[in-house]
C-alpha atoms as a PDB file:
ATOM      1  CA  MET A   1     104.912 108.569 120.976  1.00  0.00           C
ATOM      2  CA  PHE A   2     103.616 105.110 120.002  1.00  0.00           C
ATOM      3  CA  ILE A   3     104.608 104.259 116.428  1.00  0.00           C
ATOM      4  CA  ASP A   4     103.736 100.777 115.161  1.00  0.00           C
ATOM      5  CA  HIS A   5     104.565 101.251 111.442  1.00  0.00           C
ATOM      6  CA  ALA A   6     107.594 102.676 109.650  1.00  0.00           C
ATOM      7  CA  LYS A   7     109.005 102.582 106.132  1.00  0.00           C
ATOM      8  CA  ILE A   8     112.790 102.720 105.890  1.00  0.00           C
ATOM      9  CA  PHE A   9     115.484 102.558 103.225  1.00  0.00           C
ATOM     10  CA  VAL A  10     118.539 100.439 104.042  1.00  0.00           C
ATOM     11  CA  GLN A  11     121.728 100.468 102.019  1.00  0.00           C
ATOM     12  CA  ALA A  12     124.704  98.236 102.652  1.00  0.00           C
ATOM     13  CA  GLY A  13     128.206  99.527 101.949  1.00  0.00           C
ATOM     14  CA  ALA A  14     129.925  98.964  98.613  1.00  0.00           C
ATOM     15  CA  GLY A  15     133.131  96.950  98.488  1.00  0.00           C
ATOM     16  CA  GLY A  16     136.397  98.739  97.891  1.00  0.00           C
ATOM     17  CA  ASN A  17     138.184  98.517  94.545  1.00  0.00           C
ATOM     18  CA  GLY A  18     141.186  96.273  94.065  1.00  0.00           C
ATOM     19  CA  CYS A  19     144.535  98.041  93.453  1.00  0.00           C
ATOM     20  CA  VAL A  20     146.890  97.910  90.493  1.00  0.00           C
ATOM     21  CA  SER A  21     150.438  98.180  91.824  1.00  0.00           C
ATOM     22  CA  PHE A  22     153.943  96.745  91.268  1.00  0.00           C
ATOM     23  CA  ARG A  23     156.936  96.363  93.523  1.00  0.00           C
ATOM     24  CA  ARG A  24     159.374  99.225  93.189  1.00  0.00           C
ATOM     25  CA  GLU A  25     162.413  98.396  95.286  1.00  0.00           C
ATOM     26  CA  LYS A  26     166.117  99.051  94.913  1.00  0.00           C
ATOM     27  CA  TYR A  27     167.992  96.098  93.478  1.00  0.00           C
ATOM     28  CA  VAL A  28     164.710  94.415  92.489  1.00  0.00           C
ATOM     29  CA  PRO A  29     164.632  95.123  88.713  1.00  0.00           C
ATOM     30  CA  HIS A  30     161.525  93.088  87.880  1.00  0.00           C
ATOM     31  CA  GLY A  31     159.158  93.494  90.861  1.00  0.00           C
ATOM     32  CA  GLY A  32     155.894  91.632  90.497  1.00  0.00           C
ATOM     33  CA  PRO A  33     152.331  92.885  91.015  1.00  0.00           C
ATOM     34  CA  ASN A  34     151.442  93.690  94.622  1.00  0.00           C
ATOM     35  CA  GLY A  35     148.029  95.391  94.441  1.00  0.00           C
ATOM     36  CA  GLY A  36     145.914  94.720  97.508  1.00  0.00           C
ATOM     37  CA  ASP A  37     142.252  93.734  97.681  1.00  0.00           C
ATOM     38  CA  GLY A  38     139.446  96.143  98.479  1.00  0.00           C
ATOM     39  CA  GLY A  39     137.641  95.763 101.766  1.00  0.00           C
ATOM     40  CA  ASP A  40     134.131  94.335 102.024  1.00  0.00           C
ATOM     41  CA  GLY A  41     131.230  96.735 102.514  1.00  0.00           C
ATOM     42  CA  GLY A  42     129.392  96.805 105.834  1.00  0.00           C
ATOM     43  CA  SER A  43     125.995  95.109 106.147  1.00  0.00           C
ATOM     44  CA  VAL A  44     122.781  96.452 107.728  1.00  0.00           C
ATOM     45  CA  PHE A  45     121.227  94.369 110.510  1.00  0.00           C
ATOM     46  CA  LEU A  46     118.003  94.649 112.487  1.00  0.00           C
ATOM     47  CA  GLU A  47     118.335  93.487 116.067  1.00  0.00           C
ATOM     48  CA  VAL A  48     115.595  92.961 118.648  1.00  0.00           C
ATOM     49  CA  SER A  49     115.968  95.006 121.848  1.00  0.00           C
ATOM     50  CA  SER A  50     113.693  94.358 124.818  1.00  0.00           C
ATOM     51  CA  SER A  51     114.222  97.964 125.939  1.00  0.00           C
ATOM     52  CA  LEU A  52     112.136  99.258 122.984  1.00  0.00           C
ATOM     53  CA  SER A  53     108.355  99.116 122.676  1.00  0.00           C
ATOM     54  CA  THR A  54     107.702 101.294 119.608  1.00  0.00           C
ATOM     55  CA  LEU A  55     109.190 102.151 116.213  1.00  0.00           C
ATOM     56  CA  SER A  56     109.471 105.848 117.089  1.00  0.00           C
ATOM     57  CA  SER A  57     113.222 105.896 116.417  1.00  0.00           C
ATOM     58  CA  PHE A  58     112.424 105.507 112.677  1.00  0.00           C
ATOM     59  CA  ARG A  59     109.873 108.346 112.599  1.00  0.00           C
ATOM     60  CA  THR A  60     112.317 111.083 111.550  1.00  0.00           C
ATOM     61  CA  LYS A  61     115.237 109.115 110.056  1.00  0.00           C
ATOM     62  CA  ARG A  62     114.260 106.876 107.154  1.00  0.00           C
ATOM     63  CA  HIS A  63     117.542 106.311 105.294  1.00  0.00           C
ATOM     64  CA  HIS A  64     120.144 104.086 106.882  1.00  0.00           C
ATOM     65  CA  ARG A  65     123.492 103.255 105.322  1.00  0.00           C
ATOM     66  CA  ALA A  66     126.367 101.026 106.395  1.00  0.00           C
ATOM     67  CA  GLY A  67     130.043 101.925 105.820  1.00  0.00           C
ATOM     68  CA  ARG A  68     131.741 101.193 102.507  1.00  0.00           C
ATOM     69  CA  GLY A  69     134.973  99.199 102.214  1.00  0.00           C
ATOM     70  CA  GLN A  70     138.265 100.973 101.597  1.00  0.00           C
ATOM     71  CA  HIS A  71     140.158 100.534  98.357  1.00  0.00           C
ATOM     72  CA  GLY A  72     143.169  98.248  98.209  1.00  0.00           C
ATOM     73  CA  ARG A  73     146.693  99.729  98.171  1.00  0.00           C
ATOM     74  CA  GLY A  74     150.136  98.745  97.033  1.00  0.00           C
ATOM     75  CA  SER A  75     152.483  96.429  98.928  1.00  0.00           C
ATOM     76  CA  ASP A  76     149.592  93.903  99.150  1.00  0.00           C
ATOM     77  CA  GLN A  77     147.715  96.096 101.598  1.00  0.00           C
ATOM     78  CA  ALA A  78     144.025  95.174 101.692  1.00  0.00           C
ATOM     79  CA  GLY A  79     141.451  97.884 102.321  1.00  0.00           C
ATOM     80  CA  ARG A  80     139.620  97.976 105.616  1.00  0.00           C
ATOM     81  CA  SER A  81     136.076  96.517 105.641  1.00  0.00           C
ATOM     82  CA  GLY A  82     133.166  98.868 106.114  1.00  0.00           C
ATOM     83  CA  LYS A  83     131.476  99.097 109.482  1.00  0.00           C
ATOM     84  CA  ASP A  84     128.217  97.192 109.938  1.00  0.00           C
ATOM     85  CA  LEU A  85     125.101  99.138 110.864  1.00  0.00           C
ATOM     86  CA  VAL A  86     122.842  97.646 113.563  1.00  0.00           C
ATOM     87  CA  LEU A  87     119.295  99.076 113.891  1.00  0.00           C
ATOM     88  CA  LEU A  88     117.431  98.216 117.099  1.00  0.00           C
ATOM     89  CA  VAL A  89     113.748  97.285 116.859  1.00  0.00           C
ATOM     90  CA  PRO A  90     111.216  96.229 119.536  1.00  0.00           C
ATOM     91  CA  PRO A  91     110.094  92.595 119.972  1.00  0.00           C
ATOM     92  CA  GLY A  92     107.234  91.754 117.630  1.00  0.00           C
ATOM     93  CA  THR A  93     108.540  93.663 114.621  1.00  0.00           C
ATOM     94  CA  MET A  94     107.601  92.214 111.221  1.00  0.00           C
ATOM     95  CA  ILE A  95     109.749  93.018 108.173  1.00  0.00           C
ATOM     96  CA  VAL A  96     107.772  93.333 104.947  1.00  0.00           C
ATOM     97  CA  GLU A  97     108.967  94.035 101.405  1.00  0.00           C
ATOM     98  CA  GLY A  98     106.130  94.620  98.978  1.00  0.00           C
ATOM     99  CA  GLU A  99     103.727  91.758  99.611  1.00  0.00           C
ATOM    100  CA  PHE A 100     106.319  89.426 101.164  1.00  0.00           C
ATOM    101  CA  LEU A 101     106.956  88.886 104.852  1.00  0.00           C
ATOM    102  CA  LEU A 102     110.729  88.592 105.175  1.00  0.00           C
ATOM    103  CA  ALA A 103     111.099  88.119 108.919  1.00  0.00           C
ATOM    104  CA  ASP A 104     109.167  88.164 112.174  1.00  0.00           C
ATOM    105  CA  LEU A 105     111.521  89.358 114.907  1.00  0.00           C
ATOM    106  CA  THR A 106     110.336  88.368 118.368  1.00  0.00           C
ATOM    107  CA  GLN A 107     113.198  87.143 120.518  1.00  0.00           C
ATOM    108  CA  PRO A 108     115.429  89.747 122.248  1.00  0.00           C
ATOM    109  CA  GLY A 109     118.955  89.626 120.838  1.00  0.00           C
ATOM    110  CA  HIS A 110     117.821  88.093 117.531  1.00  0.00           C
ATOM    111  CA  ARG A 111     119.693  89.730 114.646  1.00  0.00           C
ATOM    112  CA  TRP A 112     118.544  89.663 111.004  1.00  0.00           C
ATOM    113  CA  MET A 113     120.479  90.834 107.973  1.00  0.00           C
ATOM    114  CA  ALA A 114     118.472  93.456 106.081  1.00  0.00           C
ATOM    115  CA  ALA A 115     121.088  94.350 103.445  1.00  0.00           C
ATOM    116  CA  LYS A 116     124.308  92.530 102.623  1.00  0.00           C
ATOM    117  CA  GLY A 117     127.505  94.473 102.014  1.00  0.00           C
ATOM    118  CA  GLY A 118     129.282  94.210  98.671  1.00  0.00           C
ATOM    119  CA  HIS A 119     132.477  92.162  98.314  1.00  0.00           C
ATOM    120  CA  GLY A 120     135.733  93.999  97.811  1.00  0.00           C
ATOM    121  CA  GLY A 121     137.478  93.685  94.441  1.00  0.00           C
ATOM    122  CA  ARG A 122     140.717  91.701  93.996  1.00  0.00           C
ATOM    123  CA  GLY A 123     143.968  93.482  93.350  1.00  0.00           C
ATOM    124  CA  ASN A 124     146.204  92.781  90.351  1.00  0.00           C
ATOM    125  CA  SER A 125     148.370  90.365  92.347  1.00  0.00           C
ATOM    126  CA  HIS A 126     145.628  87.769  91.883  1.00  0.00           C
ATOM    127  CA  PHE A 127     145.856  87.936  88.083  1.00  0.00           C
ATOM    128  CA  ALA A 128     149.558  87.166  87.638  1.00  0.00           C
ATOM    129  CA  THR A 129     150.402  83.984  85.726  1.00  0.00           C
ATOM    130  CA  SER A 130     153.517  82.531  84.140  1.00  0.00           C
ATOM    131  CA  THR A 131     152.593  84.088  80.823  1.00  0.00           C
ATOM    132  CA  HIS A 132     150.979  87.256  82.164  1.00  0.00           C
ATOM    133  CA  GLN A 133     153.452  88.609  84.724  1.00  0.00           C
ATOM    134  CA  THR A 134     152.472  92.257  84.641  1.00  0.00           C
ATOM    135  CA  PRO A 135     148.697  92.338  84.940  1.00  0.00           C
ATOM    136  CA  MET A 136     147.175  95.781  84.689  1.00  0.00           C
ATOM    137  CA  GLU A 137     143.681  94.723  85.693  1.00  0.00           C
ATOM    138  CA  ALA A 138     141.955  94.669  89.081  1.00  0.00           C
ATOM    139  CA  GLU A 139     138.362  94.111  90.126  1.00  0.00           C
ATOM    140  CA  PRO A 140     136.023  96.907  91.186  1.00  0.00           C
ATOM    141  CA  GLY A 141     134.144  96.473  94.457  1.00  0.00           C
ATOM    142  CA  GLU A 142     130.578  95.153  94.324  1.00  0.00           C
ATOM    143  CA  PRO A 143     127.747  97.520  95.256  1.00  0.00           C
ATOM    144  CA  GLY A 144     125.940  96.883  98.527  1.00  0.00           C
ATOM    145  CA  GLN A 145     122.399  95.656  98.608  1.00  0.00           C
ATOM    146  CA  GLU A 146     119.711  98.339  99.021  1.00  0.00           C
ATOM    147  CA  ARG A 147     115.991  98.057  99.560  1.00  0.00           C
ATOM    148  CA  TRP A 148     112.876  99.722 100.999  1.00  0.00           C
ATOM    149  CA  LEU A 149     111.384  97.859 103.938  1.00  0.00           C
ATOM    150  CA  ASP A 150     108.135  98.203 105.867  1.00  0.00           C
ATOM    151  CA  LEU A 151     108.402  97.646 109.614  1.00  0.00           C
ATOM    152  CA  GLU A 152     105.163  96.611 111.316  1.00  0.00           C
ATOM    153  CA  LEU A 153     104.953  96.161 115.067  1.00  0.00           C
ATOM    154  CA  LYS A 154     102.548  93.714 116.679  1.00  0.00           C
ATOM    155  CA  LEU A 155     102.699  93.858 120.440  1.00  0.00           C
ATOM    156  CA  LEU A 156     103.673  90.680 122.267  1.00  0.00           C
ATOM    157  CA  ALA A 157     101.259  90.080 125.106  1.00  0.00           C
ATOM    158  CA  GLU A 158      99.631  86.942 126.472  1.00  0.00           C
ATOM    159  CA  VAL A 159      96.408  88.746 127.293  1.00  0.00           C
ATOM    160  CA  GLY A 160      94.564  91.380 125.276  1.00  0.00           C
ATOM    161  CA  LEU A 161      91.901  93.647 126.793  1.00  0.00           C
ATOM    162  CA  ILE A 162      89.199  94.362 124.211  1.00  0.00           C
ATOM    163  CA  GLY A 163      85.792  96.004 124.271  1.00  0.00           C
ATOM    164  CA  TYR A 164      83.946  99.163 123.391  1.00  0.00           C
ATOM    165  CA  PRO A 165      85.557 102.499 124.305  1.00  0.00           C
ATOM    166  CA  ASN A 166      84.967 103.628 127.883  1.00  0.00           C
ATOM    167  CA  VAL A 167      84.181 100.175 129.274  1.00  0.00           C
ATOM    168  CA  GLY A 168      87.036 100.466 131.771  1.00  0.00           C
ATOM    169  CA  LYS A 169      89.973  98.771 130.018  1.00  0.00           C
ATOM    170  CA  SER A 170      92.450 101.468 131.083  1.00  0.00           C
ATOM    171  CA  THR A 171      91.159 101.437 134.648  1.00  0.00           C
ATOM    172  CA  LEU A 172      91.526  97.649 134.785  1.00  0.00           C
ATOM    173  CA  ILE A 173      95.118  97.584 133.434  1.00  0.00           C
ATOM    174  CA  SER A 174      96.112 100.297 135.880  1.00  0.00           C
ATOM    175  CA  ARG A 175      94.516  98.244 138.713  1.00  0.00           C
ATOM    176  CA  ILE A 176      96.244  94.946 137.908  1.00  0.00           C
ATOM    177  CA  SER A 177      99.639  96.239 136.704  1.00  0.00           C
ATOM    178  CA  ALA A 178     101.996  99.188 136.981  1.00  0.00           C
ATOM    179  CA  ALA A 179     100.781 100.656 133.675  1.00  0.00           C
ATOM    180  CA  ARG A 180      99.427 104.195 134.010  1.00  0.00           C
ATOM    181  CA  PRO A 181      97.324 105.021 130.952  1.00  0.00           C
ATOM    182  CA  LYS A 182      95.198 108.127 130.631  1.00  0.00           C
ATOM    183  CA  ILE A 183      91.817 107.605 132.286  1.00  0.00           C
ATOM    184  CA  ALA A 184      88.750 109.823 131.692  1.00  0.00           C
ATOM    185  CA  ASP A 185      84.959 109.511 131.426  1.00  0.00           C
ATOM    186  CA  TYR A 186      84.725 110.050 127.674  1.00  0.00           C
ATOM    187  CA  PRO A 187      85.224 107.622 124.709  1.00  0.00           C
ATOM    188  CA  PHE A 188      88.580 107.177 122.976  1.00  0.00           C
ATOM    189  CA  THR A 189      90.555 108.305 126.027  1.00  0.00           C
ATOM    190  CA  THR A 190      93.194 105.747 125.127  1.00  0.00           C
ATOM    191  CA  LEU A 191      94.787 106.488 121.769  1.00  0.00           C
ATOM    192  CA  ILE A 192      97.661 103.982 121.934  1.00  0.00           C
ATOM    193  CA  PRO A 193      97.963 100.401 123.199  1.00  0.00           C
ATOM    194  CA  ASN A 194      99.303 100.066 126.727  1.00  0.00           C
ATOM    195  CA  LEU A 195     101.320  97.150 128.055  1.00  0.00           C
ATOM    196  CA  GLY A 196     101.431  96.034 131.671  1.00  0.00           C
ATOM    197  CA  VAL A 197     102.979  93.169 133.583  1.00  0.00           C
ATOM    198  CA  VAL A 198     100.685  91.453 136.089  1.00  0.00           C
ATOM    199  CA  ASP A 199     102.488  89.852 139.078  1.00  0.00           C
ATOM    200  CA  LEU A 200     100.412  87.352 141.060  1.00  0.00           C
ATOM    201  CA  GLY A 201     103.297  86.322 143.292  1.00  0.00           C
ATOM    202  CA  ASP A 202     105.013  82.916 143.481  1.00  0.00           C
ATOM    203  CA  PHE A 203     106.750  83.733 140.162  1.00  0.00           C
ATOM    204  CA  ARG A 204     103.414  83.914 138.340  1.00  0.00           C
ATOM    205  CA  THR A 205     103.385  86.765 135.842  1.00  0.00           C
ATOM    206  CA  PHE A 206     101.800  87.558 132.524  1.00  0.00           C
ATOM    207  CA  VAL A 207     101.798  90.501 130.092  1.00  0.00           C
ATOM    208  CA  VAL A 208      98.513  92.233 129.292  1.00  0.00           C
ATOM    209  CA  ALA A 209      97.800  94.743 126.499  1.00  0.00           C
ATOM    210  CA  ASP A 210      95.003  97.326 126.380  1.00  0.00           C
ATOM    211  CA  ILE A 211      93.773  97.416 122.769  1.00  0.00           C
ATOM    212  CA  PRO A 212      91.990 100.760 122.157  1.00  0.00           C
ATOM    213  CA  GLY A 213      89.504 102.025 119.650  1.00  0.00           C
ATOM    214  CA  LEU A 214      87.327  98.989 118.842  1.00  0.00           C
ATOM    215  CA  ILE A 215      83.824  99.935 117.738  1.00  0.00           C
ATOM    216  CA  GLU A 216      81.364  98.763 115.130  1.00  0.00           C
ATOM    217  CA  GLY A 217      83.021  99.161 111.719  1.00  0.00           C
ATOM    218  CA  ALA A 218      86.565  99.134 113.171  1.00  0.00           C
ATOM    219  CA  HIS A 219      87.779  96.807 110.389  1.00  0.00           C
ATOM    220  CA  GLU A 220      86.677  99.458 107.863  1.00  0.00           C
ATOM    221  CA  GLY A 221      88.600 102.204 109.565  1.00  0.00           C
ATOM    222  CA  HIS A 222      85.983 103.514 111.952  1.00  0.00           C
ATOM    223  CA  GLY A 223      87.324 104.714 115.285  1.00  0.00           C
ATOM    224  CA  LEU A 224      90.885 103.568 115.850  1.00  0.00           C
ATOM    225  CA  GLY A 225      90.320  99.860 115.347  1.00  0.00           C
ATOM    226  CA  ILE A 226      91.930  99.258 111.951  1.00  0.00           C
ATOM    227  CA  ARG A 227      95.139 100.707 113.348  1.00  0.00           C
ATOM    228  CA  PHE A 228      95.293  98.517 116.424  1.00  0.00           C
ATOM    229  CA  LEU A 229      93.406  95.332 115.494  1.00  0.00           C
ATOM    230  CA  ARG A 230      96.708  93.771 114.401  1.00  0.00           C
ATOM    231  CA  HIS A 231      97.876  93.716 118.005  1.00  0.00           C
ATOM    232  CA  VAL A 232      95.062  91.301 118.928  1.00  0.00           C
ATOM    233  CA  GLU A 233      96.658  88.650 116.696  1.00  0.00           C
ATOM    234  CA  ARG A 234      99.649  88.198 119.034  1.00  0.00           C
ATOM    235  CA  THR A 235      97.614  87.491 122.161  1.00  0.00           C
ATOM    236  CA  ARG A 236      96.801  84.047 123.433  1.00  0.00           C
ATOM    237  CA  LEU A 237      93.792  85.033 125.510  1.00  0.00           C
ATOM    238  CA  LEU A 238      91.247  87.863 125.140  1.00  0.00           C
ATOM    239  CA  VAL A 239      89.632  89.503 128.146  1.00  0.00           C
ATOM    240  CA  HIS A 240      86.434  91.013 126.689  1.00  0.00           C
ATOM    241  CA  LEU A 241      85.127  93.832 128.854  1.00  0.00           C
ATOM    242  CA  VAL A 242      81.440  94.676 128.655  1.00  0.00           C
ATOM    243  CA  ASP A 243      79.577  97.688 130.092  1.00  0.00           C
ATOM    244  CA  PRO A 244      76.458  96.572 132.016  1.00  0.00           C
ATOM    245  CA  LEU A 245      74.831  99.980 131.325  1.00  0.00           C
ATOM    246  CA  PRO A 246      75.892 100.890 127.773  1.00  0.00           C
ATOM    247  CA  GLN A 247      74.661 103.893 125.894  1.00  0.00           C
ATOM    248  CA  GLU A 248      71.067 104.069 124.699  1.00  0.00           C
ATOM    249  CA  GLY A 249      70.306 101.642 121.931  1.00  0.00           C
ATOM    250  CA  ARG A 250      72.988  99.127 123.004  1.00  0.00           C
ATOM    251  CA  GLU A 251      72.821  96.043 125.143  1.00  0.00           C
ATOM    252  CA  PRO A 252      75.653  94.041 126.803  1.00  0.00           C
ATOM    253  CA  LEU A 253      75.038  90.973 124.590  1.00  0.00           C
ATOM    254  CA  LYS A 254      74.892  93.098 121.423  1.00  0.00           C
ATOM    255  CA  ASP A 255      78.141  94.901 122.346  1.00  0.00           C
ATOM    256  CA  TRP A 256      79.881  91.571 122.882  1.00  0.00           C
ATOM    257  CA  ARG A 257      78.665  90.262 119.525  1.00  0.00           C
ATOM    258  CA  VAL A 258      79.646  93.426 117.646  1.00  0.00           C
ATOM    259  CA  ILE A 259      83.250  93.295 118.845  1.00  0.00           C
ATOM    260  CA  ASN A 260      83.494  89.607 117.954  1.00  0.00           C
ATOM    261  CA  GLU A 261      82.145  90.336 114.509  1.00  0.00           C
ATOM    262  CA  GLU A 262      84.805  93.018 114.070  1.00  0.00           C
ATOM    263  CA  LEU A 263      87.525  90.513 114.975  1.00  0.00           C
ATOM    264  CA  HIS A 264      86.137  88.062 112.417  1.00  0.00           C
ATOM    265  CA  ALA A 265      85.857  90.751 109.750  1.00  0.00           C
ATOM    266  CA  TYR A 266      89.476  91.763 110.280  1.00  0.00           C
ATOM    267  CA  ARG A 267      90.747  88.211 110.128  1.00  0.00           C
ATOM    268  CA  ALA A 268      88.646  85.063 110.060  1.00  0.00           C
ATOM    269  CA  GLY A 269      89.183  82.914 113.135  1.00  0.00           C
ATOM    270  CA  LEU A 270      90.364  85.785 115.348  1.00  0.00           C
ATOM    271  CA  GLU A 271      87.016  85.765 117.111  1.00  0.00           C
ATOM    272  CA  LYS A 272      87.618  82.131 118.081  1.00  0.00           C
ATOM    273  CA  LYS A 273      90.564  82.979 120.323  1.00  0.00           C
ATOM    274  CA  PRO A 274      89.936  81.888 123.921  1.00  0.00           C
ATOM    275  CA  GLN A 275      88.027  84.570 125.800  1.00  0.00           C
ATOM    276  CA  ILE A 276      87.002  85.546 129.279  1.00  0.00           C
ATOM    277  CA  VAL A 277      83.984  87.848 129.318  1.00  0.00           C
ATOM    278  CA  VAL A 278      84.136  90.446 132.069  1.00  0.00           C
ATOM    279  CA  VAL A 279      81.207  92.609 133.043  1.00  0.00           C
ATOM    280  CA  ASN A 280      82.833  95.721 134.505  1.00  0.00           C
ATOM    281  CA  LYS A 281      81.375  98.638 136.499  1.00  0.00           C
ATOM    282  CA  MET A 282      79.313  96.384 138.735  1.00  0.00           C
ATOM    283  CA  ASP A 283      79.473  99.142 141.326  1.00  0.00           C
ATOM    284  CA  THR A 284      76.776 100.881 139.204  1.00  0.00           C
ATOM    285  CA  ARG A 285      74.359  98.104 140.305  1.00  0.00           C
ATOM    286  CA  PRO A 286      72.672  97.249 136.990  1.00  0.00           C
ATOM    287  CA  GLU A 287      69.484  95.234 136.911  1.00  0.00           C
ATOM    288  CA  GLY A 288      70.068  91.505 136.690  1.00  0.00           C
ATOM    289  CA  ASP A 289      67.831  91.152 133.654  1.00  0.00           C
ATOM    290  CA  ARG A 290      70.176  93.227 131.489  1.00  0.00           C
ATOM    291  CA  LEU A 291      73.015  90.772 131.993  1.00  0.00           C
ATOM    292  CA  ARG A 292      71.031  87.541 131.819  1.00  0.00           C
ATOM    293  CA  PRO A 293      71.108  87.181 127.978  1.00  0.00           C
ATOM    294  CA  LEU A 294      74.880  87.689 127.887  1.00  0.00           C
ATOM    295  CA  GLU A 295      75.548  85.265 130.750  1.00  0.00           C
ATOM    296  CA  GLU A 296      73.277  82.637 129.197  1.00  0.00           C
ATOM    297  CA  GLU A 297      75.093  82.989 125.865  1.00  0.00           C
ATOM    298  CA  CYS A 298      78.481  82.616 127.601  1.00  0.00           C
ATOM    299  CA  ARG A 299      77.198  79.587 129.511  1.00  0.00           C
ATOM    300  CA  ARG A 300      75.988  78.039 126.249  1.00  0.00           C
ATOM    301  CA  ARG A 301      79.369  78.581 124.606  1.00  0.00           C
ATOM    302  CA  LYS A 302      81.281  77.543 127.745  1.00  0.00           C
ATOM    303  CA  ILE A 303      82.984  80.937 128.010  1.00  0.00           C
ATOM    304  CA  PRO A 304      83.850  82.140 131.534  1.00  0.00           C
ATOM    305  CA  CYS A 305      81.839  85.224 132.483  1.00  0.00           C
ATOM    306  CA  LEU A 306      82.857  87.232 135.541  1.00  0.00           C
ATOM    307  CA  ARG A 307      81.589  90.375 137.248  1.00  0.00           C
ATOM    308  CA  ILE A 308      84.036  92.940 138.555  1.00  0.00           C
ATOM    309  CA  SER A 309      84.477  96.586 139.439  1.00  0.00           C
ATOM    310  CA  ALA A 310      87.853  97.908 138.288  1.00  0.00           C
ATOM    311  CA  VAL A 311      87.288 101.085 140.291  1.00  0.00           C
ATOM    312  CA  SER A 312      86.684  99.435 143.662  1.00  0.00           C
ATOM    313  CA  GLY A 313      88.723  96.302 142.940  1.00  0.00           C
ATOM    314  CA  ALA A 314      85.816  93.940 143.600  1.00  0.00           C
ATOM    315  CA  GLY A 315      86.334  90.652 141.737  1.00  0.00           C
ATOM    316  CA  VAL A 316      89.691  91.726 140.267  1.00  0.00           C
ATOM    317  CA  LYS A 317      91.672  89.122 142.220  1.00  0.00           C
ATOM    318  CA  GLU A 318      89.349  86.374 141.029  1.00  0.00           C
ATOM    319  CA  LEU A 319      89.740  87.649 137.453  1.00  0.00           C
ATOM    320  CA  ASN A 320      93.533  87.503 137.665  1.00  0.00           C
ATOM    321  CA  GLU A 321      93.379  83.947 138.944  1.00  0.00           C
ATOM    322  CA  ALA A 322      90.959  82.966 136.168  1.00  0.00           C
ATOM    323  CA  ILE A 323      93.289  84.491 133.571  1.00  0.00           C
ATOM    324  CA  TRP A 324      96.280  82.601 134.986  1.00  0.00           C
ATOM    325  CA  LYS A 325      94.312  79.337 135.053  1.00  0.00           C
ATOM    326  CA  GLU A 326      93.274  79.811 131.430  1.00  0.00           C
ATOM    327  CA  LEU A 327      96.833  80.662 130.320  1.00  0.00           C
ATOM    328  CA  GLN A 328      98.128  77.531 132.030  1.00  0.00           C
ATOM    329  CA  ALA A 329      95.572  75.404 130.221  1.00  0.00           C
ATOM    330  CA  LEU A 330      96.550  76.994 126.913  1.00  0.00           C
ATOM    331  CA  GLN A 331     100.225  76.382 127.670  1.00  0.00           C
ATOM    332  CA  GLU A 332      99.505  72.681 128.242  1.00  0.00           C
ATOM    333  CA  GLU A 333      97.604  72.471 124.968  1.00  0.00           C
ATOM    334  CA  SER A 334     100.298  74.304 123.027  1.00  0.00           C
ATOM    335  CA  PRO A 335     103.639  74.354 124.966  1.00  0.00           C
ATOM    336  CA  ALA A 336     105.479  76.405 122.349  1.00  0.00           C
ATOM    337  CA  SER A 337     104.902  80.112 122.714  1.00  0.00           C
ATOM    338  CA  MET A 338     103.120  81.803 119.811  1.00  0.00           C
ATOM    339  CA  TRP A 339     106.176  83.915 119.071  1.00  0.00           C
ATOM    340  CA  GLU A 340     108.917  81.294 119.499  1.00  0.00           C
ATOM    341  CA  GLN A 341     108.564  80.167 115.869  1.00  0.00           C
ATOM    342  CA  PRO A 342     108.954  83.292 113.683  1.00  0.00           C
ATOM    343  CA  ALA A 343     106.990  83.069 110.431  1.00  0.00           C
ATOM    344  CA  VAL A 344     109.197  83.748 107.445  1.00  0.00           C
ATOM    345  CA  THR A 345     108.190  83.625 103.782  1.00  0.00           C
ATOM    346  CA  GLY A 346     111.372  85.003 102.272  1.00  0.00           C
ATOM    347  CA  GLY A 347     114.756  86.520 103.059  1.00  0.00           C
ATOM    348  CA  SER A 348     117.126  85.430 105.774  1.00  0.00           C
ATOM    349  CA  GLU A 349     116.685  84.819 109.488  1.00  0.00           C
ATOM    350  CA  SER A 350     120.323  84.579 110.462  1.00  0.00           C
ATOM    351  CA  SER A 351     123.024  87.159 110.857  1.00  0.00           C
ATOM    352  CA  GLY A 352     125.419  85.267 108.685  1.00  0.00           C
ATOM    353  CA  SER A 353     123.440  84.871 105.498  1.00  0.00           C
ATOM    354  CA  SER A 354     122.075  87.096 102.785  1.00  0.00           C
ATOM    355  CA  ALA A 355     118.783  88.885 103.080  1.00  0.00           C
ATOM    356  CA  SER A 356     118.071  88.767  99.391  1.00  0.00           C
END
């Protein structure tokens, strides 16, 4: 099951209490204080795992707690520290608390502290002085940090397939990659985004995502768009599929404009992402006049416009090469990958610092 949002409660372990104790040994009439320190509480970490692609592991378990530190004991025995808790999340997971973005976890192996464990209290041996040789006080352990966090997943893909339902996005991704989404001849066949890796040979690969459910009014919750529009933000290039023979009352150019308007309505500037317009289902042999307004508009805006048939494979090889060429040009313009610089507005990004 594809889950791209989860709300979890994380609680770090409390520190153990310090101990009040004195030496009690034969032939040692005035033994000094020897209370040990309490152990530190365990912390909660979120770690990126490339083996995960959804947040489904958080669907049934929402509360996550690290181990607490043990109390100190006599004979200067310190309590054992609590065990850290590491929660695995897929690449592209954003950590939000209220209205604040705390972390954007994109790189596999990256670990972020979600809740810091409490420090253990000091035993009474720390409070002995020349004038206070029998201290009866010790420190209690500090409570661990606890908080509610929203996890939001935005898929990491260089290429996003967009377009009206039933334009052939699932067929295309199954043709160019090993992804095997559900394919049928009715709208909203695809209910979840699908990821596929396209291998062109000679060590040339890119990741493509099929973004489902975009229709007019998607940004207002119509169809499935509001749920999956966020995944478009991560892509560097959009492949916009258009049906040459859309349903009655629609035209290829109008369909293309409607989807772009939905991208803009969801987030201004999203419609300006580099695009390749692809007219699919050319095996249906549409009249040339139906496509002329769309092709002229693409020519005016200097947007590549290709014709393919995902079913027969005609033009698919040329499309893959055009995608690769466009990605290389974008890489030269902006060498740093879009997810190499995580955006953080609060909290901690390292495993050794506090997440408060």
